[in-house]
Every structure is written in structure tokens, then in C-alpha cells.
C-alpha atoms as a PDB file:
ATOM      1  CA  GLN A   1     -11.493  41.061  50.299  1.00  0.00           C
ATOM      2  CA  THR A   2     -13.585  38.491  49.962  1.00  0.00           C
ATOM      3  CA  LEU A   3     -12.724  34.750  48.936  1.00  0.00           C
ATOM      4  CA  SER A   4     -14.278  34.896  45.732  1.00  0.00           C
ATOM      5  CA  ASP A   5     -11.888  38.007  44.960  1.00  0.00           C
ATOM      6  CA  ARG A   6      -8.816  36.208  46.012  1.00  0.00           C
ATOM      7  CA  PHE A   7      -9.765  32.941  43.883  1.00  0.00           C
ATOM      8  CA  GLY A   8     -10.609  35.325  40.752  1.00  0.00           C
ATOM      9  CA  ARG A   9      -7.240  37.226  41.027  1.00  0.00           C
ATOM     10  CA  THR A  10      -5.377  33.807  41.338  1.00  0.00           C
ATOM     11  CA  TRP A  11      -7.269  32.596  38.030  1.00  0.00           C
ATOM     12  CA  ILE A  12      -6.221  35.815  36.271  1.00  0.00           C
ATOM     13  CA  VAL A  13      -2.569  35.425  37.240  1.00  0.00           C
ATOM     14  CA  ALA A  14      -2.629  31.696  36.170  1.00  0.00           C
ATOM     15  CA  PHE A  15      -3.972  32.399  32.750  1.00  0.00           C
ATOM     16  CA  ALA A  16      -1.654  35.504  32.444  1.00  0.00           C
ATOM     17  CA  LEU A  17       1.369  33.110  33.266  1.00  0.00           C
ATOM     18  CA  VAL A  18      -0.049  30.209  30.554  1.00  0.00           C
ATOM     19  CA  ALA A  19      -0.501  33.116  28.030  1.00  0.00           C
ATOM     20  CA  THR A  20       2.973  34.098  28.427  1.00  0.00           C
ATOM     21  CA  VAL A  21       4.450  30.949  28.488  1.00  0.00           C
ATOM     22  CA  LEU A  22       2.546  30.040  25.177  1.00  0.00           C
ATOM     23  CA  GLN A  23       3.564  33.242  23.578  1.00  0.00           C
ATOM     24  CA  VAL A  24       7.571  32.698  24.510  1.00  0.00           C
ATOM     25  CA  SER A  25       7.154  29.102  23.070  1.00  0.00           C
ATOM     26  CA  ALA A  26       5.633  30.397  19.761  1.00  0.00           C
ATOM     27  CA  TYR A  27       8.016  33.309  19.495  1.00  0.00           C
ATOM     28  CA  GLU A  28      11.012  30.563  19.920  1.00  0.00           C
ATOM     29  CA  GLU A  29       9.602  28.066  17.495  1.00  0.00           C
ATOM     30  CA  ARG A  30       9.010  30.847  15.034  1.00  0.00           C
ATOM     31  CA  GLN A  31      12.519  32.117  15.430  1.00  0.00           C
ATOM     32  CA  LEU A  32      13.874  28.545  15.212  1.00  0.00           C
ATOM     33  CA  ILE A  33      12.151  27.798  11.918  1.00  0.00           C
ATOM     34  CA  ALA A  34      13.505  31.113  10.636  1.00  0.00           C
ATOM     35  CA  ASP A  35      17.097  30.348  11.581  1.00  0.00           C
ATOM     36  CA  LYS A  36      17.340  26.952  10.162  1.00  0.00           C
ATOM     37  CA  PHE A  37      15.516  27.811   6.762  1.00  0.00           C
ATOM     38  CA  LYS A  38      17.302  30.994   6.061  1.00  0.00           C
ATOM     39  CA  ASN A  39      19.893  29.440   3.878  1.00  0.00           C
ATOM     40  CA  TYR A  40      18.149  26.018   3.405  1.00  0.00           C
ATOM     41  CA  ASN A  41      17.907  24.592  -0.122  1.00  0.00           C
ATOM     42  CA  ARG A  42      15.249  21.783  -0.359  1.00  0.00           C
ATOM     43  CA  ASN A  43      16.612  20.891  -4.175  1.00  0.00           C
ATOM     44  CA  ILE A  44      19.987  19.654  -2.357  1.00  0.00           C
ATOM     45  CA  ARG A  45      20.214  16.466  -0.800  1.00  0.00           C
ATOM     46  CA  PRO A  46      21.222  16.107   3.024  1.00  0.00           C
ATOM     47  CA  ALA A  47      24.629  14.765   2.292  1.00  0.00           C
ATOM     48  CA  ARG A  48      28.167  16.283   3.686  1.00  0.00           C
ATOM     49  CA  HIS A  49      30.024  15.139   0.669  1.00  0.00           C
ATOM     50  CA  PRO A  50      28.746  14.278  -3.025  1.00  0.00           C
ATOM     51  CA  ASP A  51      29.829  10.403  -2.399  1.00  0.00           C
ATOM     52  CA  GLU A  52      27.753  10.152   0.603  1.00  0.00           C
ATOM     53  CA  LYS A  53      24.813   8.059   0.820  1.00  0.00           C
ATOM     54  CA  VAL A  54      21.455   9.264   2.347  1.00  0.00           C
ATOM     55  CA  LYS A  55      19.964   6.365   4.299  1.00  0.00           C
ATOM     56  CA  VAL A  56      16.233   6.124   3.941  1.00  0.00           C
ATOM     57  CA  GLN A  57      14.192   4.214   6.101  1.00  0.00           C
ATOM     58  CA  VAL A  58      10.554   3.028   4.354  1.00  0.00           C
ATOM     59  CA  LYS A  59       7.880   1.221   6.154  1.00  0.00           C
ATOM     60  CA  LEU A  60       4.473   0.535   4.748  1.00  0.00           C
ATOM     61  CA  THR A  61       1.538  -0.079   6.952  1.00  0.00           C
ATOM     62  CA  LEU A  62      -1.646  -1.549   5.255  1.00  0.00           C
ATOM     63  CA  THR A  63      -4.848  -0.289   6.555  1.00  0.00           C
ATOM     64  CA  LYS A  64      -7.424  -1.432   4.476  1.00  0.00           C
ATOM     65  CA  LEU A  65      -7.833  -3.480   1.155  1.00  0.00           C
ATOM     66  CA  ILE A  66     -10.231  -1.568  -0.834  1.00  0.00           C
ATOM     67  CA  SER A  67     -10.824  -3.767  -3.742  1.00  0.00           C
ATOM     68  CA  LEU A  68      -9.400  -6.651  -5.749  1.00  0.00           C
ATOM     69  CA  ASN A  69     -10.391  -6.681  -9.412  1.00  0.00           C
ATOM     70  CA  GLU A  70      -9.618 -10.182 -10.299  1.00  0.00           C
ATOM     71  CA  LYS A  71     -10.565  -9.715 -14.173  1.00  0.00           C
ATOM     72  CA  GLU A  72      -8.268  -6.480 -14.549  1.00  0.00           C
ATOM     73  CA  ASP A  73      -5.433  -7.957 -12.225  1.00  0.00           C
ATOM     74  CA  THR A  74      -5.649  -4.901 -10.092  1.00  0.00           C
ATOM     75  CA  LEU A  75      -5.287  -4.161  -6.299  1.00  0.00           C
ATOM     76  CA  THR A  76      -6.536  -0.970  -4.443  1.00  0.00           C
ATOM     77  CA  THR A  77      -5.043  -0.683  -1.087  1.00  0.00           C
ATOM     78  CA  ASN A  78      -5.117   2.172   1.808  1.00  0.00           C
ATOM     79  CA  VAL A  79      -1.731   2.471   3.101  1.00  0.00           C
ATOM     80  CA  TRP A  80       0.420   4.682   5.412  1.00  0.00           C
ATOM     81  CA  ILE A  81       4.036   5.427   4.425  1.00  0.00           C
ATOM     82  CA  GLU A  82       6.481   5.826   7.149  1.00  0.00           C
ATOM     83  CA  ILE A  83       9.693   7.447   5.800  1.00  0.00           C
ATOM     84  CA  GLN A  84      12.710   8.457   7.896  1.00  0.00           C
ATOM     85  CA  TRP A  85      15.922  10.102   7.293  1.00  0.00           C
ATOM     86  CA  HIS A  86      18.429  12.473   8.490  1.00  0.00           C
ATOM     87  CA  ASP A  87      19.132  15.913   7.536  1.00  0.00           C
ATOM     88  CA  TYR A  88      22.031  17.576   9.385  1.00  0.00           C
ATOM     89  CA  ARG A  89      21.203  21.035   7.955  1.00  0.00           C
ATOM     90  CA  LEU A  90      18.434  21.297  10.206  1.00  0.00           C
ATOM     91  CA  ALA A  91      19.737  20.126  13.700  1.00  0.00           C
ATOM     92  CA  TRP A  92      19.856  22.593  16.474  1.00  0.00           C
ATOM     93  CA  ASN A  93      20.600  22.721  20.027  1.00  0.00           C
ATOM     94  CA  THR A  94      17.566  22.795  22.190  1.00  0.00           C
ATOM     95  CA  SER A  95      19.021  25.094  24.840  1.00  0.00           C
ATOM     96  CA  GLU A  96      19.250  27.833  22.527  1.00  0.00           C
ATOM     97  CA  TYR A  97      15.616  27.701  21.749  1.00  0.00           C
ATOM     98  CA  HIS A  98      13.512  27.461  24.859  1.00  0.00           C
ATOM     99  CA  GLY A  99      13.980  23.692  25.023  1.00  0.00           C
ATOM    100  CA  ILE A 100      12.166  23.010  21.880  1.00  0.00           C
ATOM    101  CA  ASN A 101      12.812  19.363  20.518  1.00  0.00           C
ATOM    102  CA  LEU A 102      10.444  19.049  17.698  1.00  0.00           C
ATOM    103  CA  ILE A 103       8.860  21.134  15.234  1.00  0.00           C
ATOM    104  CA  ARG A 104       6.349  20.811  12.231  1.00  0.00           C
ATOM    105  CA  VAL A 105       6.755  22.168   9.014  1.00  0.00           C
ATOM    106  CA  PRO A 106       5.076  21.764   5.729  1.00  0.00           C
ATOM    107  CA  TYR A 107       6.268  19.042   3.522  1.00  0.00           C
ATOM    108  CA  ASN A 108       7.275  20.951   0.491  1.00  0.00           C
ATOM    109  CA  THR A 109       9.889  23.249   2.591  1.00  0.00           C
ATOM    110  CA  VAL A 110      12.358  20.226   2.988  1.00  0.00           C
ATOM    111  CA  TRP A 111      14.187  17.677   0.995  1.00  0.00           C
ATOM    112  CA  LEU A 112      12.000  14.801   0.269  1.00  0.00           C
ATOM    113  CA  PRO A 113      13.505  11.230  -0.931  1.00  0.00           C
ATOM    114  CA  ASP A 114      11.844   9.964  -4.101  1.00  0.00           C
ATOM    115  CA  VAL A 115       9.735   7.030  -2.857  1.00  0.00           C
ATOM    116  CA  VAL A 116       7.098   5.897  -5.561  1.00  0.00           C
ATOM    117  CA  LEU A 117       5.071   2.519  -6.479  1.00  0.00           C
ATOM    118  CA  GLU A 118       6.567   0.849  -9.345  1.00  0.00           C
ATOM    119  CA  ASN A 119       3.754  -1.168 -10.391  1.00  0.00           C
ATOM    120  CA  ASN A 120       1.307   1.593 -10.234  1.00  0.00           C
ATOM    121  CA  ILE A 121      -1.370   1.001 -12.870  1.00  0.00           C
ATOM    122  CA  ASP A 122      -3.339   4.379 -12.766  1.00  0.00           C
ATOM    123  CA  GLY A 123      -0.232   6.826 -13.213  1.00  0.00           C
ATOM    124  CA  LYS A 124      -1.101   8.543  -9.859  1.00  0.00           C
ATOM    125  CA  PHE A 125       2.170   8.658  -7.864  1.00  0.00           C
ATOM    126  CA  ASP A 126       1.375  11.150  -5.371  1.00  0.00           C
ATOM    127  CA  VAL A 127       0.107  10.500  -1.789  1.00  0.00           C
ATOM    128  CA  ALA A 128      -3.427  11.029  -0.487  1.00  0.00           C
ATOM    129  CA  TYR A 129      -2.708  13.737   1.849  1.00  0.00           C
ATOM    130  CA  TYR A 130       0.379  15.517   2.345  1.00  0.00           C
ATOM    131  CA  ALA A 131       0.893  15.584   6.073  1.00  0.00           C
ATOM    132  CA  ASN A 132       3.523  17.913   7.657  1.00  0.00           C
ATOM    133  CA  MET A 133       6.916  16.897   8.459  1.00  0.00           C
ATOM    134  CA  LEU A 134       8.281  16.235  11.834  1.00  0.00           C
ATOM    135  CA  ILE A 135      11.616  17.447  12.670  1.00  0.00           C
ATOM    136  CA  TRP A 136      13.815  16.594  15.644  1.00  0.00           C
ATOM    137  CA  SER A 137      16.473  18.585  17.328  1.00  0.00           C
ATOM    138  CA  ASP A 138      19.243  16.057  16.067  1.00  0.00           C
ATOM    139  CA  GLY A 139      18.241  16.431  12.459  1.00  0.00           C
ATOM    140  CA  SER A 140      15.935  13.306  12.411  1.00  0.00           C
ATOM    141  CA  MET A 141      13.282  13.440   9.814  1.00  0.00           C
ATOM    142  CA  TYR A 142       9.909  11.762  10.009  1.00  0.00           C
ATOM    143  CA  TRP A 143       7.053  11.914   7.310  1.00  0.00           C
ATOM    144  CA  LEU A 144       3.793   9.528   7.762  1.00  0.00           C
ATOM    145  CA  PRO A 145       1.546  10.399   4.618  1.00  0.00           C
ATOM    146  CA  PRO A 146      -1.499   8.469   3.631  1.00  0.00           C
ATOM    147  CA  ALA A 147      -2.007   6.823   0.331  1.00  0.00           C
ATOM    148  CA  ILE A 148      -4.271   4.915  -1.873  1.00  0.00           C
ATOM    149  CA  TYR A 149      -2.740   2.892  -4.412  1.00  0.00           C
ATOM    150  CA  ARG A 150      -3.933   0.974  -7.379  1.00  0.00           C
ATOM    151  CA  SER A 151      -1.377  -1.705  -8.514  1.00  0.00           C
ATOM    152  CA  THR A 152      -1.171  -4.734 -10.411  1.00  0.00           C
ATOM    153  CA  CYS A 153      -1.287  -7.866  -8.664  1.00  0.00           C
ATOM    154  CA  ASN A 154      -1.124 -11.633  -9.475  1.00  0.00           C
ATOM    155  CA  GLY A 155      -4.393 -13.559 -10.432  1.00  0.00           C
ATOM    156  CA  GLU A 156      -3.420 -16.201  -7.697  1.00  0.00           C
ATOM    157  CA  TRP A 157      -3.961 -14.665  -4.471  1.00  0.00           C
ATOM    158  CA  ALA A 158      -3.869 -15.340  -0.728  1.00  0.00           C
ATOM    159  CA  ILE A 159      -4.335 -13.579   2.451  1.00  0.00           C
ATOM    160  CA  LYS A 160      -0.927 -13.323   3.981  1.00  0.00           C
ATOM    161  CA  HIS A 161       1.753 -10.664   4.776  1.00  0.00           C
ATOM    162  CA  ARG A 162       5.374 -11.083   3.884  1.00  0.00           C
ATOM    163  CA  PRO A 163       8.172  -8.814   5.183  1.00  0.00           C
ATOM    164  CA  ALA A 164       9.955  -6.197   3.020  1.00  0.00           C
ATOM    165  CA  ARG A 165      12.822  -7.061   0.967  1.00  0.00           C
ATOM    166  CA  LYS A 166      15.437  -4.760  -0.289  1.00  0.00           C
ATOM    167  CA  LEU A 167      17.466  -5.521  -3.221  1.00  0.00           C
ATOM    168  CA  THR A 168      20.802  -4.128  -4.434  1.00  0.00           C
ATOM    169  CA  ASN A 169      21.943  -4.295  -7.906  1.00  0.00           C
ATOM    170  CA  PRO A 170      25.684  -4.527  -8.036  1.00  0.00           C
ATOM    171  CA  ARG A 171      25.690  -3.750 -11.688  1.00  0.00           C
ATOM    172  CA  TYR A 172      24.608  -0.239 -11.020  1.00  0.00           C
ATOM    173  CA  SER A 173      26.267   2.668  -9.175  1.00  0.00           C
ATOM    174  CA  PRO A 174      24.733   4.029  -5.821  1.00  0.00           C
ATOM    175  CA  ASP A 175      23.470   7.221  -7.998  1.00  0.00           C
ATOM    176  CA  ASP A 176      21.472   5.165 -10.440  1.00  0.00           C
ATOM    177  CA  LEU A 177      17.707   4.633  -9.970  1.00  0.00           C
ATOM    178  CA  GLU A 178      18.047   1.057 -10.280  1.00  0.00           C
ATOM    179  CA  TYR A 179      20.856   0.459  -7.670  1.00  0.00           C
ATOM    180  CA  GLN A 180      18.292  -0.335  -4.887  1.00  0.00           C
ATOM    181  CA  GLU A 181      14.841  -1.101  -4.535  1.00  0.00           C
ATOM    182  CA  VAL A 182      12.257  -2.166  -1.853  1.00  0.00           C
ATOM    183  CA  TYR A 183       9.699  -4.672  -2.332  1.00  0.00           C
ATOM    184  CA  PHE A 184       6.541  -4.990  -0.060  1.00  0.00           C
ATOM    185  CA  ASN A 185       4.589  -8.268  -0.816  1.00  0.00           C
ATOM    186  CA  LEU A 186       1.385  -8.787  -0.073  1.00  0.00           C
ATOM    187  CA  ILE A 187      -0.045 -12.366  -1.038  1.00  0.00           C
ATOM    188  CA  ILE A 188      -3.690 -13.238  -1.050  1.00  0.00           C
ATOM    189  CA  GLN A 189      -5.115 -16.505  -1.608  1.00  0.00           C
ATOM    190  CA  ARG A 190      -8.796 -17.444  -2.790  1.00  0.00           C
ATOM    191  CA  LYS A 191     -11.086 -19.202  -0.483  1.00  0.00           C
ATOM    192  CA  PRO A 192     -11.590 -22.545  -2.136  1.00  0.00           C
ATOM    193  CA  LEU A 193     -15.240 -23.211  -0.937  1.00  0.00           C
ATOM    194  CA  PHE A 194     -16.805 -20.866  -3.161  1.00  0.00           C
ATOM    195  CA  TYR A 195     -15.345 -22.407  -6.144  1.00  0.00           C
ATOM    196  CA  ILE A 196     -15.836 -25.969  -4.994  1.00  0.00           C
ATOM    197  CA  ILE A 197     -19.667 -25.410  -4.650  1.00  0.00           C
ATOM    198  CA  ASN A 198     -20.010 -23.157  -7.549  1.00  0.00           C
ATOM    199  CA  ILE A 199     -17.785 -24.578 -10.284  1.00  0.00           C
ATOM    200  CA  ILE A 200     -15.792 -27.668  -9.270  1.00  0.00           C
ATOM    201  CA  LEU A 201     -18.750 -29.899  -7.794  1.00  0.00           C
ATOM    202  CA  PRO A 202     -21.143 -28.938 -10.662  1.00  0.00           C
ATOM    203  CA  CYS A 203     -18.549 -29.451 -13.446  1.00  0.00           C
ATOM    204  CA  SER A 204     -18.026 -32.716 -11.868  1.00  0.00           C
ATOM    205  CA  LEU A 205     -21.606 -33.773 -11.933  1.00  0.00           C
ATOM    206  CA  ILE A 206     -22.056 -32.721 -15.367  1.00  0.00           C
ATOM    207  CA  SER A 207     -18.916 -34.728 -16.596  1.00  0.00           C
ATOM    208  CA  SER A 208     -20.443 -37.836 -14.959  1.00  0.00           C
ATOM    209  CA  LEU A 209     -23.388 -37.506 -17.126  1.00  0.00           C
ATOM    210  CA  VAL A 210     -21.323 -38.389 -19.999  1.00  0.00           C
ATOM    211  CA  VAL A 211     -21.675 -42.078 -19.063  1.00  0.00           C
ATOM    212  CA  LEU A 212     -25.570 -41.695 -19.172  1.00  0.00           C
ATOM    213  CA  PRO A 213     -25.913 -42.626 -22.775  1.00  0.00           C
ATOM    214  CA  PHE A 214     -24.008 -46.155 -22.365  1.00  0.00           C
ATOM    215  CA  PHE A 215     -27.032 -47.201 -19.915  1.00  0.00           C
ATOM    216  CA  LEU A 216     -29.837 -45.982 -22.364  1.00  0.00           C
ATOM    217  CA  PRO A 217     -31.459 -49.058 -24.343  1.00  0.00           C
ATOM    218  CA  ALA A 218     -30.240 -49.323 -27.692  1.00  0.00           C
ATOM    219  CA  LYS A 219     -33.672 -48.239 -29.373  1.00  0.00           C
ATOM    220  CA  ALA A 220     -33.190 -44.672 -27.795  1.00  0.00           C
ATOM    221  CA  GLY A 221     -30.535 -43.791 -30.171  1.00  0.00           C
ATOM    222  CA  GLY A 222     -32.053 -40.269 -30.761  1.00  0.00           C
ATOM    223  CA  GLN A 223     -32.201 -39.551 -27.121  1.00  0.00           C
ATOM    224  CA  LYS A 224     -28.453 -40.618 -26.603  1.00  0.00           C
ATOM    225  CA  LEU A 225     -27.091 -38.058 -28.970  1.00  0.00           C
ATOM    226  CA  THR A 226     -29.493 -35.552 -27.375  1.00  0.00           C
ATOM    227  CA  VAL A 227     -28.275 -36.227 -23.929  1.00  0.00           C
ATOM    228  CA  SER A 228     -24.565 -36.239 -25.104  1.00  0.00           C
ATOM    229  CA  ILE A 229     -25.044 -32.893 -26.936  1.00  0.00           C
ATOM    230  CA  SER A 230     -26.620 -31.428 -23.796  1.00  0.00           C
ATOM    231  CA  VAL A 231     -23.847 -32.489 -21.439  1.00  0.00           C
ATOM    232  CA  LEU A 232     -21.491 -30.833 -24.025  1.00  0.00           C
ATOM    233  CA  LEU A 233     -23.317 -27.587 -24.116  1.00  0.00           C
ATOM    234  CA  ALA A 234     -23.509 -27.378 -20.309  1.00  0.00           C
ATOM    235  CA  GLN A 235     -19.947 -27.993 -20.028  1.00  0.00           C
ATOM    236  CA  THR A 236     -19.128 -25.256 -22.564  1.00  0.00           C
ATOM    237  CA  VAL A 237     -21.092 -22.737 -20.561  1.00  0.00           C
ATOM    238  CA  PHE A 238     -19.364 -23.554 -17.305  1.00  0.00           C
ATOM    239  CA  LEU A 239     -16.041 -23.327 -18.978  1.00  0.00           C
ATOM    240  CA  PHE A 240     -17.304 -19.806 -20.428  1.00  0.00           C
ATOM    241  CA  LEU A 241     -18.257 -18.796 -16.762  1.00  0.00           C
ATOM    242  CA  ILE A 242     -14.857 -19.866 -15.612  1.00  0.00           C
ATOM    243  CA  LEU A 243     -12.918 -17.906 -18.304  1.00  0.00           C
ATOM    244  CA  VAL A 244     -15.076 -14.732 -17.584  1.00  0.00           C
ATOM    245  CA  SER A 245     -14.021 -14.745 -13.901  1.00  0.00           C
ATOM    246  CA  LEU A 246     -10.640 -15.242 -14.617  1.00  0.00           C
ATOM    247  CA  CYS A 247      -7.951 -12.505 -15.024  1.00  0.00           C
ATOM    248  CA  GLU A 248      -7.045 -12.036 -18.771  1.00  0.00           C
ATOM    249  CA  CYS A 249      -3.503 -11.353 -18.153  1.00  0.00           C
ATOM    250  CA  VAL A 250      -2.407 -14.664 -16.274  1.00  0.00           C
ATOM    251  CA  ASP A 251       0.394 -15.888 -18.424  1.00  0.00           C
ATOM    252  CA  ASN A 252       0.016 -19.648 -17.182  1.00  0.00           C
ATOM    253  CA  SER A 253      -3.334 -21.617 -16.894  1.00  0.00           C
ATOM    254  CA  ILE A 254      -4.417 -21.674 -13.634  1.00  0.00           C
ATOM    255  CA  PHE A 255      -6.082 -24.831 -11.823  1.00  0.00           C
ATOM    256  CA  LEU A 256      -9.750 -24.045 -12.521  1.00  0.00           C
ATOM    257  CA  THR A 257      -9.036 -23.721 -16.148  1.00  0.00           C
ATOM    258  CA  LYS A 258      -7.075 -26.910 -16.196  1.00  0.00           C
ATOM    259  CA  PHE A 259      -9.378 -28.694 -14.185  1.00  0.00           C
ATOM    260  CA  SER A 260     -12.314 -27.599 -16.644  1.00  0.00           C
ATOM    261  CA  GLN A 261     -10.444 -28.578 -19.756  1.00  0.00           C
ATOM    262  CA  SER A 262      -9.457 -31.720 -18.429  1.00  0.00           C
ATOM    263  CA  HIS A 263     -13.289 -32.810 -18.544  1.00  0.00           C
ATOM    264  CA  TRP A 264     -13.229 -32.494 -22.432  1.00  0.00           C
ATOM    265  CA  PHE A 265     -11.034 -35.417 -22.774  1.00  0.00           C
END
């Protein structure tokens, strides 16, 4: 036998062993999924007793700030929602299934907690892509779907991250929807340079022209009136531009509006 024939047979044996291992692993995983989901009901929450609470961990990861519509007071973001909980019904012994410690199943085959965005503005509460569910041998459930949220936001914005807050309302029982809520706050703040150069500075310069008629000679009576009316019209145009750029649903007057209105008096 030549050396090439020996190497060829060695590769054939190696590929045969790999194929056999993969076939056994696929069979064990298929058998595991069949056994665990044989009597599984996704409509029943994973609690051993009716009064037992299912602990759900929620983590929100902001990947992109898509848009911020200041006039409509809406914020569009691209996020990843990480949800974890425990389902004792899907736990198994790894020694009985060829050492398999993790399986992936479609999302619609298991029980899912109801996690929705409360201040959603477009009525689309679903995620962007329904990823598979990761299940560990101890019954730990892990779901990480991406989502594009369009939510309402405050007109005063700044770019900062605040940690999530979990609020529990003692007036409700644990079975009520209002019992527990999780708030993720994203505060964004305007960069003032644009507004200083384009609004505040021109508005201040126009307001300073109000004293110009007092320096005109007494003979220029009509010119004084013309200058005063021109300043008033320019100030009105600037106030209109400010109001157009601001959100219509802001309850309190913000700084730019107060600043512009102060120049009328």
C-alpha cells in the first residue's frame, strides 16, 4: 500500500466517525425535544403552585437611535430585549441525553411572559424578529429578540442613560397587570450651540434694535415708526419659527418660548 492510500483511508475513517457523532447527537436532541414537549402546555405559566410567582428578568440594550421627531414628540429606537426566566417543566438530566446541555426551539412552542412597551405610539407591540428560544438543562429560559420601538418622549431631551427602575404597586395583587412595572429611561438633551447661533443670538440682536428709533432725529417721525414696525415683524417671524420647531404636546413652556416672549415686553 502506498502512503497516499493510507492517508485516504484515514480521512475516510475520520469523516465516518464525525458523521456518526453528529448523527447520534442529532438523534439525542430530537429525542430530548420530543420527550420534553410531549405533555407540555405553553398556555400554562411555569409555576408549581397557583400562588407562586414567576420571576422574569428583563434587560434592554439600545443599539441605535433611529430618529427623534421633536414636533410629534416621538422617539424611534432599535433595541435588543433580553428576557430570562425558569421553566421547571423543561429541565432534564444531561447524562440521559448524550450530555446535551442546551437546545434551541421556536419561540411559539414555549410559554412567554407578556413584556410590552406601555408608551408605544404606533400600536405595534410585536418584536422585529422572533428569534429562537435557548433552553438549558436546568430549565433556564433565554430569549433575545430585536425590536424597533416608536414611543412617546419628552420635548426636553439630553443624551444620557439611566438604569432601569422596577415599581411595585401595593394597591394591587400580584395577579394584576398593574402590580409591577419596569421603566427604562433614556434622557436626551439638546446641544445648545445650534439654538444659540440660530435663534437666541438673532432674537437678541433684533430686540436691541428697539432702542434705535430713540437715536433718530425728531424730524424722522415716519422712519421711527417704520423701524419699530420692522423690528416687531422680525420678532414675530422668529417667534413663529420657534413655535414651528417645538413639540405641540409639551405641557409647560420651555426655555426658548419663554426667552422669545420676554422680548415682547
